[in-house]
N, C-alpha and C. Protein backbone atom coordinates (compact mmCIF):
# COMPACT_ATOMS: atom_id res chain seq x y z
N MET A 1 -10.61 -35.38 -40.71
CA MET A 1 -9.49 -35.64 -39.84
C MET A 1 -9.80 -36.86 -38.99
N SER A 2 -8.81 -37.60 -38.74
CA SER A 2 -9.00 -38.79 -37.91
C SER A 2 -8.73 -38.42 -36.46
N SER A 3 -9.44 -39.10 -35.59
CA SER A 3 -9.23 -38.83 -34.17
C SER A 3 -8.33 -39.87 -33.55
N GLU A 4 -7.36 -40.35 -34.34
CA GLU A 4 -6.40 -41.30 -33.80
C GLU A 4 -5.45 -40.58 -32.86
N LYS A 5 -4.59 -41.34 -32.28
CA LYS A 5 -3.62 -40.78 -31.35
C LYS A 5 -2.76 -39.75 -32.06
N GLY A 6 -2.71 -38.52 -31.52
CA GLY A 6 -1.88 -37.47 -32.09
C GLY A 6 -2.61 -36.66 -33.15
N GLY A 7 -3.69 -37.13 -33.70
CA GLY A 7 -4.41 -36.37 -34.72
C GLY A 7 -5.78 -36.00 -34.22
N GLY A 8 -6.40 -35.02 -34.79
CA GLY A 8 -7.75 -34.63 -34.42
C GLY A 8 -7.77 -33.57 -33.34
N PRO A 9 -8.95 -33.05 -33.09
CA PRO A 9 -9.06 -31.96 -32.10
C PRO A 9 -8.90 -32.50 -30.69
N PRO A 10 -8.47 -31.64 -29.77
CA PRO A 10 -8.34 -32.09 -28.37
C PRO A 10 -9.70 -32.35 -27.77
N SER A 11 -9.77 -33.29 -26.87
CA SER A 11 -11.05 -33.63 -26.24
C SER A 11 -11.22 -32.81 -24.96
N TYR A 12 -12.48 -32.60 -24.62
CA TYR A 12 -12.80 -31.91 -23.38
C TYR A 12 -13.63 -32.84 -22.52
N PRO A 13 -13.41 -33.04 -21.29
CA PRO A 13 -12.35 -32.46 -20.48
C PRO A 13 -10.99 -32.99 -20.90
N PRO A 14 -9.93 -32.24 -20.60
CA PRO A 14 -8.60 -32.67 -21.03
C PRO A 14 -8.26 -34.04 -20.44
N GLN A 15 -7.61 -34.84 -21.23
CA GLN A 15 -7.27 -36.19 -20.80
C GLN A 15 -5.80 -36.25 -20.43
N GLY A 16 -5.47 -37.04 -19.43
CA GLY A 16 -4.09 -37.23 -19.02
C GLY A 16 -3.45 -38.34 -19.83
N GLN A 17 -2.39 -38.86 -19.33
CA GLN A 17 -1.68 -39.94 -20.01
C GLN A 17 -2.56 -41.19 -20.05
N TYR A 18 -2.60 -41.89 -21.14
CA TYR A 18 -3.35 -43.12 -21.36
C TYR A 18 -4.86 -42.91 -21.25
N GLY A 19 -5.35 -41.72 -21.55
CA GLY A 19 -6.79 -41.49 -21.60
C GLY A 19 -7.46 -41.29 -20.26
N GLN A 20 -6.72 -41.24 -19.14
CA GLN A 20 -7.34 -41.01 -17.85
C GLN A 20 -7.44 -39.51 -17.61
N PRO A 21 -8.40 -39.09 -16.79
CA PRO A 21 -8.48 -37.66 -16.48
C PRO A 21 -7.23 -37.19 -15.76
N PRO A 22 -6.82 -35.92 -15.96
CA PRO A 22 -5.63 -35.43 -15.28
C PRO A 22 -5.86 -35.36 -13.77
N PRO A 23 -4.81 -35.52 -12.98
CA PRO A 23 -4.98 -35.46 -11.52
C PRO A 23 -5.35 -34.04 -11.08
N MET A 24 -6.20 -33.96 -10.07
CA MET A 24 -6.60 -32.66 -9.51
C MET A 24 -5.49 -32.18 -8.58
N ALA A 25 -5.26 -30.87 -8.55
CA ALA A 25 -4.30 -30.31 -7.62
C ALA A 25 -4.90 -30.32 -6.22
N PRO A 26 -4.10 -30.48 -5.19
CA PRO A 26 -4.64 -30.41 -3.83
C PRO A 26 -5.22 -29.03 -3.55
N PRO A 27 -6.15 -28.90 -2.62
CA PRO A 27 -6.73 -27.60 -2.31
C PRO A 27 -5.66 -26.60 -1.92
N GLY A 28 -5.82 -25.36 -2.39
CA GLY A 28 -4.87 -24.30 -2.07
C GLY A 28 -3.85 -24.08 -3.15
N TYR A 29 -3.77 -24.96 -4.18
CA TYR A 29 -2.82 -24.81 -5.27
C TYR A 29 -3.55 -24.30 -6.50
N ASP A 30 -2.84 -23.54 -7.32
CA ASP A 30 -3.42 -23.04 -8.56
C ASP A 30 -3.54 -24.18 -9.56
N SER A 31 -4.66 -24.26 -10.21
CA SER A 31 -4.83 -25.18 -11.32
C SER A 31 -5.99 -24.70 -12.15
N VAL A 32 -6.11 -25.21 -13.33
CA VAL A 32 -7.23 -24.84 -14.18
C VAL A 32 -8.51 -25.38 -13.57
N ALA A 33 -8.42 -26.49 -12.85
CA ALA A 33 -9.62 -27.13 -12.34
C ALA A 33 -10.26 -26.37 -11.20
N ASN A 34 -9.47 -25.84 -10.25
CA ASN A 34 -10.12 -25.21 -9.11
C ASN A 34 -10.25 -23.70 -9.22
N GLN A 35 -9.61 -23.07 -10.18
CA GLN A 35 -9.77 -21.63 -10.47
C GLN A 35 -9.50 -20.76 -9.26
N SER A 36 -8.56 -21.13 -8.38
CA SER A 36 -8.36 -20.34 -7.17
C SER A 36 -7.42 -19.17 -7.39
N TYR A 37 -6.46 -19.27 -8.32
CA TYR A 37 -5.51 -18.22 -8.63
C TYR A 37 -4.82 -17.68 -7.39
N GLY A 38 -4.37 -18.53 -6.51
CA GLY A 38 -3.58 -18.12 -5.37
C GLY A 38 -4.37 -17.94 -4.10
N ALA A 39 -5.70 -17.95 -4.15
CA ALA A 39 -6.48 -17.78 -2.94
C ALA A 39 -6.46 -19.08 -2.14
N PRO A 40 -6.26 -19.00 -0.84
CA PRO A 40 -6.22 -20.23 -0.05
C PRO A 40 -7.60 -20.89 -0.02
N GLN A 41 -7.62 -22.18 -0.14
CA GLN A 41 -8.88 -22.92 -0.11
C GLN A 41 -9.22 -23.24 1.34
N THR A 42 -10.49 -23.13 1.68
CA THR A 42 -10.91 -23.45 3.04
C THR A 42 -11.42 -24.87 3.15
N ALA A 43 -11.74 -25.51 2.04
CA ALA A 43 -12.24 -26.87 2.06
C ALA A 43 -11.85 -27.54 0.75
N PRO A 44 -11.76 -28.87 0.72
CA PRO A 44 -11.43 -29.55 -0.54
C PRO A 44 -12.50 -29.29 -1.60
N MET A 45 -12.10 -29.43 -2.86
CA MET A 45 -12.99 -29.11 -3.97
C MET A 45 -14.15 -30.09 -4.11
N TYR A 46 -14.08 -31.29 -3.54
CA TYR A 46 -15.11 -32.28 -3.74
C TYR A 46 -16.28 -32.13 -2.78
N GLN A 47 -16.28 -31.13 -1.91
CA GLN A 47 -17.38 -30.95 -0.97
C GLN A 47 -18.48 -30.12 -1.63
N GLY A 48 -19.33 -30.77 -2.36
CA GLY A 48 -20.38 -30.08 -3.09
C GLY A 48 -21.48 -29.52 -2.20
N ASP A 49 -21.60 -30.02 -0.97
CA ASP A 49 -22.66 -29.52 -0.09
C ASP A 49 -22.22 -28.30 0.71
N HIS A 50 -20.98 -27.84 0.53
CA HIS A 50 -20.49 -26.65 1.25
C HIS A 50 -21.18 -25.42 0.68
N PRO A 51 -21.68 -24.48 1.51
CA PRO A 51 -22.45 -23.34 0.99
C PRO A 51 -21.64 -22.36 0.15
N HIS A 52 -20.31 -22.36 0.22
CA HIS A 52 -19.52 -21.41 -0.56
C HIS A 52 -19.03 -21.98 -1.88
N PHE A 53 -19.50 -23.16 -2.24
CA PHE A 53 -19.07 -23.78 -3.48
C PHE A 53 -20.25 -23.88 -4.42
N GLN A 54 -20.02 -23.57 -5.68
CA GLN A 54 -21.04 -23.68 -6.72
C GLN A 54 -20.52 -24.62 -7.80
N PRO A 55 -21.37 -25.49 -8.35
CA PRO A 55 -20.88 -26.39 -9.40
C PRO A 55 -20.64 -25.63 -10.69
N GLN A 56 -19.62 -26.02 -11.40
CA GLN A 56 -19.29 -25.46 -12.70
C GLN A 56 -19.47 -26.56 -13.74
N MET A 57 -19.08 -26.28 -14.97
CA MET A 57 -19.22 -27.27 -16.03
C MET A 57 -18.37 -28.50 -15.73
N GLY A 58 -18.89 -29.63 -16.06
CA GLY A 58 -18.16 -30.88 -15.90
C GLY A 58 -18.00 -31.32 -14.46
N GLY A 59 -18.77 -30.80 -13.52
CA GLY A 59 -18.68 -31.19 -12.14
C GLY A 59 -17.55 -30.53 -11.37
N VAL A 60 -16.76 -29.67 -12.02
CA VAL A 60 -15.68 -28.97 -11.33
C VAL A 60 -16.29 -27.84 -10.52
N GLN A 61 -15.83 -27.63 -9.30
CA GLN A 61 -16.40 -26.61 -8.44
C GLN A 61 -15.37 -25.54 -8.13
N THR A 62 -15.84 -24.32 -7.95
CA THR A 62 -14.95 -23.23 -7.56
C THR A 62 -15.50 -22.56 -6.32
N GLN A 63 -14.61 -21.90 -5.59
CA GLN A 63 -15.03 -21.21 -4.38
C GLN A 63 -15.47 -19.80 -4.73
N ILE A 64 -16.57 -19.34 -4.16
CA ILE A 64 -17.05 -17.99 -4.38
C ILE A 64 -16.44 -17.12 -3.29
N HIS A 65 -15.76 -16.03 -3.69
CA HIS A 65 -15.14 -15.12 -2.74
C HIS A 65 -16.11 -13.98 -2.47
N VAL A 66 -16.48 -13.80 -1.21
CA VAL A 66 -17.40 -12.75 -0.82
C VAL A 66 -16.60 -11.56 -0.34
N VAL A 67 -16.83 -10.40 -0.94
CA VAL A 67 -16.11 -9.18 -0.58
C VAL A 67 -16.93 -8.44 0.47
N PRO A 68 -16.31 -8.06 1.60
CA PRO A 68 -17.07 -7.33 2.62
C PRO A 68 -17.43 -5.94 2.12
N PRO A 69 -18.52 -5.38 2.62
CA PRO A 69 -18.90 -4.03 2.17
C PRO A 69 -17.89 -3.01 2.66
N PRO A 70 -17.76 -1.87 1.98
CA PRO A 70 -16.80 -0.85 2.42
C PRO A 70 -17.19 -0.30 3.78
N GLN A 71 -16.16 0.07 4.55
CA GLN A 71 -16.41 0.60 5.88
C GLN A 71 -16.89 2.04 5.77
N THR A 72 -17.84 2.39 6.60
CA THR A 72 -18.29 3.77 6.70
C THR A 72 -17.98 4.24 8.12
N PHE A 73 -17.38 5.41 8.23
CA PHE A 73 -16.99 5.93 9.52
C PHE A 73 -17.91 7.08 9.91
N SER A 74 -18.17 7.18 11.21
CA SER A 74 -19.11 8.18 11.70
C SER A 74 -18.48 9.57 11.78
N GLU A 75 -17.18 9.64 11.91
CA GLU A 75 -16.54 10.95 12.01
C GLU A 75 -15.61 11.18 10.82
N PRO A 76 -15.43 12.44 10.43
CA PRO A 76 -14.56 12.73 9.29
C PRO A 76 -13.10 12.46 9.65
N PRO A 77 -12.28 12.21 8.65
CA PRO A 77 -10.87 11.93 8.96
C PRO A 77 -10.16 13.20 9.44
N PRO A 78 -9.24 13.06 10.38
CA PRO A 78 -8.47 14.23 10.80
C PRO A 78 -7.53 14.63 9.68
N PRO A 79 -7.16 15.90 9.59
CA PRO A 79 -6.21 16.30 8.55
C PRO A 79 -4.87 15.61 8.78
N ASP A 80 -4.27 15.14 7.71
CA ASP A 80 -3.01 14.42 7.88
C ASP A 80 -1.78 15.32 7.71
N TYR A 81 -1.94 16.52 7.21
CA TYR A 81 -0.86 17.51 7.07
C TYR A 81 0.28 17.01 6.18
N MET A 82 -0.05 16.16 5.21
CA MET A 82 0.98 15.62 4.33
C MET A 82 1.59 16.72 3.45
N ASN A 83 0.76 17.61 2.92
CA ASN A 83 1.29 18.68 2.06
C ASN A 83 2.25 19.58 2.83
N ARG A 84 1.87 19.93 4.05
CA ARG A 84 2.74 20.77 4.87
C ARG A 84 4.04 20.05 5.20
N ALA A 85 3.95 18.76 5.48
CA ALA A 85 5.15 17.98 5.81
C ALA A 85 6.10 17.90 4.61
N ILE A 86 5.55 17.71 3.42
CA ILE A 86 6.40 17.66 2.23
C ILE A 86 7.04 19.02 1.97
N PHE A 87 6.26 20.10 2.14
CA PHE A 87 6.81 21.45 1.95
C PHE A 87 7.95 21.71 2.92
N THR A 88 7.76 21.36 4.19
CA THR A 88 8.81 21.64 5.17
C THR A 88 10.04 20.78 4.92
N THR A 89 9.85 19.58 4.39
CA THR A 89 11.00 18.74 4.08
C THR A 89 11.81 19.34 2.94
N ILE A 90 11.14 19.86 1.93
CA ILE A 90 11.84 20.40 0.76
C ILE A 90 12.39 21.79 1.03
N CYS A 91 11.61 22.65 1.65
CA CYS A 91 11.96 24.07 1.74
C CYS A 91 12.53 24.53 3.07
N CYS A 92 12.27 23.84 4.14
CA CYS A 92 12.66 24.38 5.44
C CYS A 92 13.77 23.58 6.11
N PHE A 93 13.41 22.55 6.83
CA PHE A 93 14.39 21.80 7.62
C PHE A 93 14.11 20.32 7.43
N TRP A 94 14.84 19.69 6.52
CA TRP A 94 14.50 18.34 6.09
C TRP A 94 14.62 17.27 7.17
N PRO A 95 15.54 17.35 8.15
CA PRO A 95 15.59 16.26 9.14
C PRO A 95 14.29 16.10 9.93
N VAL A 96 13.67 17.20 10.30
CA VAL A 96 12.41 17.12 11.03
C VAL A 96 11.26 16.87 10.06
N GLY A 97 11.38 17.39 8.84
CA GLY A 97 10.33 17.20 7.83
C GLY A 97 10.11 15.73 7.48
N ILE A 98 11.16 14.94 7.48
CA ILE A 98 11.02 13.51 7.18
C ILE A 98 10.15 12.83 8.24
N PHE A 99 10.35 13.18 9.50
CA PHE A 99 9.52 12.61 10.56
C PHE A 99 8.08 13.10 10.47
N ALA A 100 7.90 14.34 10.00
CA ALA A 100 6.54 14.86 9.81
C ALA A 100 5.83 14.07 8.71
N ILE A 101 6.54 13.72 7.64
CA ILE A 101 5.94 12.91 6.58
C ILE A 101 5.56 11.53 7.12
N MET A 102 6.41 10.95 7.93
CA MET A 102 6.11 9.63 8.50
C MET A 102 4.86 9.69 9.38
N LYS A 103 4.73 10.73 10.21
CA LYS A 103 3.56 10.85 11.07
C LYS A 103 2.29 11.12 10.26
N ALA A 104 2.41 11.91 9.18
CA ALA A 104 1.25 12.16 8.33
C ALA A 104 0.77 10.87 7.67
N SER A 105 1.70 10.04 7.26
CA SER A 105 1.34 8.75 6.67
C SER A 105 0.71 7.83 7.72
N GLU A 106 1.24 7.85 8.92
CA GLU A 106 0.65 7.04 10.00
C GLU A 106 -0.77 7.48 10.30
N ALA A 107 -1.04 8.79 10.23
CA ALA A 107 -2.39 9.29 10.49
C ALA A 107 -3.37 8.75 9.45
N LYS A 108 -2.96 8.76 8.20
CA LYS A 108 -3.85 8.26 7.14
C LYS A 108 -4.09 6.76 7.29
N ASN A 109 -3.05 6.00 7.61
CA ASN A 109 -3.19 4.56 7.78
C ASN A 109 -4.03 4.21 9.00
N ALA A 110 -3.87 4.96 10.09
CA ALA A 110 -4.64 4.69 11.30
C ALA A 110 -6.13 4.93 11.05
N TYR A 111 -6.46 5.98 10.32
CA TYR A 111 -7.87 6.24 10.01
C TYR A 111 -8.43 5.14 9.10
N ALA A 112 -7.63 4.67 8.16
CA ALA A 112 -8.10 3.63 7.23
C ALA A 112 -8.42 2.33 7.96
N ARG A 113 -7.71 2.02 9.03
CA ARG A 113 -7.99 0.79 9.76
C ARG A 113 -9.00 1.02 10.89
N GLY A 114 -9.50 2.26 11.05
CA GLY A 114 -10.55 2.54 12.03
C GLY A 114 -10.04 3.00 13.38
N ASP A 115 -8.78 3.29 13.51
CA ASP A 115 -8.20 3.75 14.77
C ASP A 115 -8.25 5.27 14.80
N PHE A 116 -9.39 5.81 15.28
CA PHE A 116 -9.60 7.26 15.25
C PHE A 116 -8.67 7.99 16.21
N GLN A 117 -8.47 7.43 17.40
CA GLN A 117 -7.59 8.08 18.39
C GLN A 117 -6.15 8.10 17.89
N GLY A 118 -5.69 7.00 17.31
CA GLY A 118 -4.34 6.95 16.75
C GLY A 118 -4.18 7.90 15.59
N ALA A 119 -5.24 8.05 14.78
CA ALA A 119 -5.19 8.98 13.65
C ALA A 119 -5.08 10.42 14.14
N ARG A 120 -5.86 10.76 15.17
CA ARG A 120 -5.78 12.12 15.72
C ARG A 120 -4.41 12.39 16.33
N SER A 121 -3.88 11.41 17.05
CA SER A 121 -2.58 11.58 17.68
C SER A 121 -1.47 11.76 16.63
N SER A 122 -1.48 10.93 15.59
CA SER A 122 -0.47 11.06 14.54
C SER A 122 -0.63 12.35 13.76
N SER A 123 -1.88 12.77 13.58
CA SER A 123 -2.14 14.04 12.88
C SER A 123 -1.58 15.21 13.67
N ASN A 124 -1.80 15.21 14.98
CA ASN A 124 -1.25 16.29 15.82
C ASN A 124 0.28 16.27 15.81
N SER A 125 0.86 15.07 15.83
CA SER A 125 2.32 14.98 15.78
C SER A 125 2.87 15.50 14.46
N ALA A 126 2.19 15.17 13.36
CA ALA A 126 2.63 15.66 12.05
C ALA A 126 2.55 17.19 11.98
N ARG A 127 1.48 17.76 12.55
CA ARG A 127 1.35 19.22 12.57
C ARG A 127 2.45 19.86 13.42
N GLN A 128 2.71 19.30 14.60
CA GLN A 128 3.75 19.86 15.46
C GLN A 128 5.13 19.75 14.82
N LEU A 129 5.42 18.60 14.23
CA LEU A 129 6.73 18.44 13.59
C LEU A 129 6.88 19.37 12.38
N SER A 130 5.80 19.56 11.64
CA SER A 130 5.85 20.50 10.51
C SER A 130 6.11 21.92 10.99
N ASN A 131 5.44 22.31 12.08
CA ASN A 131 5.66 23.66 12.63
C ASN A 131 7.09 23.82 13.14
N ILE A 132 7.60 22.78 13.79
CA ILE A 132 8.99 22.83 14.27
C ILE A 132 9.95 22.98 13.09
N ALA A 133 9.68 22.23 12.01
CA ALA A 133 10.55 22.32 10.83
C ALA A 133 10.48 23.71 10.20
N ILE A 134 9.30 24.31 10.18
CA ILE A 134 9.18 25.68 9.63
C ILE A 134 9.98 26.65 10.48
N PHE A 135 9.81 26.60 11.80
CA PHE A 135 10.55 27.52 12.67
C PHE A 135 12.05 27.28 12.59
N ALA A 136 12.47 26.02 12.54
CA ALA A 136 13.89 25.72 12.43
C ALA A 136 14.45 26.21 11.10
N GLY A 137 13.67 26.07 10.03
CA GLY A 137 14.10 26.56 8.72
C GLY A 137 14.23 28.06 8.68
N VAL A 138 13.23 28.75 9.23
CA VAL A 138 13.29 30.22 9.27
C VAL A 138 14.45 30.68 10.14
N ALA A 139 14.63 30.03 11.30
CA ALA A 139 15.73 30.41 12.18
C ALA A 139 17.08 30.17 11.51
N SER A 140 17.22 29.06 10.78
CA SER A 140 18.50 28.80 10.11
C SER A 140 18.76 29.81 9.00
N ILE A 141 17.72 30.25 8.32
CA ILE A 141 17.89 31.27 7.28
C ILE A 141 18.32 32.59 7.91
N VAL A 142 17.67 32.96 9.03
CA VAL A 142 18.02 34.21 9.70
C VAL A 142 19.46 34.16 10.21
N VAL A 143 19.84 33.06 10.85
CA VAL A 143 21.20 32.91 11.36
C VAL A 143 22.20 32.95 10.22
N SER A 144 21.87 32.29 9.11
CA SER A 144 22.78 32.32 7.95
C SER A 144 22.94 33.73 7.40
N MET A 145 21.85 34.48 7.35
CA MET A 145 21.93 35.86 6.85
C MET A 145 22.78 36.73 7.78
N ILE A 146 22.64 36.52 9.09
CA ILE A 146 23.45 37.29 10.04
C ILE A 146 24.93 36.94 9.86
N ILE A 147 25.24 35.68 9.74
CA ILE A 147 26.64 35.25 9.57
C ILE A 147 27.21 35.82 8.28
N VAL A 148 26.47 35.73 7.20
CA VAL A 148 26.94 36.28 5.91
C VAL A 148 27.09 37.79 6.01
N GLY A 149 26.16 38.46 6.67
CA GLY A 149 26.25 39.91 6.83
C GLY A 149 27.47 40.33 7.63
N VAL A 150 27.74 39.62 8.73
CA VAL A 150 28.92 39.93 9.54
C VAL A 150 30.19 39.66 8.74
N TYR A 151 30.22 38.58 8.00
CA TYR A 151 31.39 38.25 7.20
C TYR A 151 31.64 39.30 6.12
N VAL A 152 30.59 39.69 5.42
CA VAL A 152 30.74 40.71 4.39
C VAL A 152 31.14 42.05 5.02
N GLY A 153 30.56 42.35 6.18
CA GLY A 153 30.92 43.60 6.86
C GLY A 153 32.38 43.61 7.28
N LEU A 154 32.88 42.48 7.77
CA LEU A 154 34.30 42.41 8.15
C LEU A 154 35.21 42.56 6.93
N ILE A 155 34.81 41.95 5.83
CA ILE A 155 35.61 42.07 4.61
C ILE A 155 35.63 43.52 4.15
N MET A 156 34.51 44.19 4.21
CA MET A 156 34.44 45.57 3.74
C MET A 156 35.27 46.51 4.64
N THR A 157 35.25 46.29 5.94
CA THR A 157 36.04 47.15 6.83
C THR A 157 37.51 46.89 6.65
N ASN A 158 37.90 45.64 6.38
CA ASN A 158 39.32 45.35 6.14
C ASN A 158 39.79 45.95 4.82
N MET A 159 38.92 46.03 3.85
CA MET A 159 39.30 46.60 2.56
C MET A 159 39.49 48.11 2.69
N ARG A 160 38.77 48.79 3.58
CA ARG A 160 38.90 50.25 3.77
C ARG A 160 40.21 50.59 4.49
N SER A 161 40.67 49.68 5.31
CA SER A 161 41.87 49.99 6.07
C SER A 161 43.13 49.92 5.22
N TYR A 162 43.09 49.33 4.05
CA TYR A 162 44.29 49.26 3.21
C TYR A 162 44.39 50.48 2.41
């Protein structure tokens, strides 16, 4: 095969128009050259003496992303009462149960970001709202049974009088 224009294998590094190297993207933009894939660049790619840059093939440099170690907490997470909140939303009194689910989610998020006091507070709120929903659900069932019983009793007494 001839390596004339248009024929032959592609050359590496890739060549731009008229045989010049392709232009580099500015820092912070995705390109094959800087391998950032959307991560913001903290310094231009040509700073080879920067401690977070390592040389790659052909003199192209990429930024090394350092992942922080996982957080370890000294105290166990407070219970978030999510299961109870979901149960009360489905089976008991859904208007209060929705707020219980929101507080249970807040408790989990607060613990994840290290806010222990906020996690405890949201956990207590989720428990209280779940208990309120249970009591409201039981009370509404009892009231409904009384109303149905009185209604059926009135119908039965009216049927005897005819």
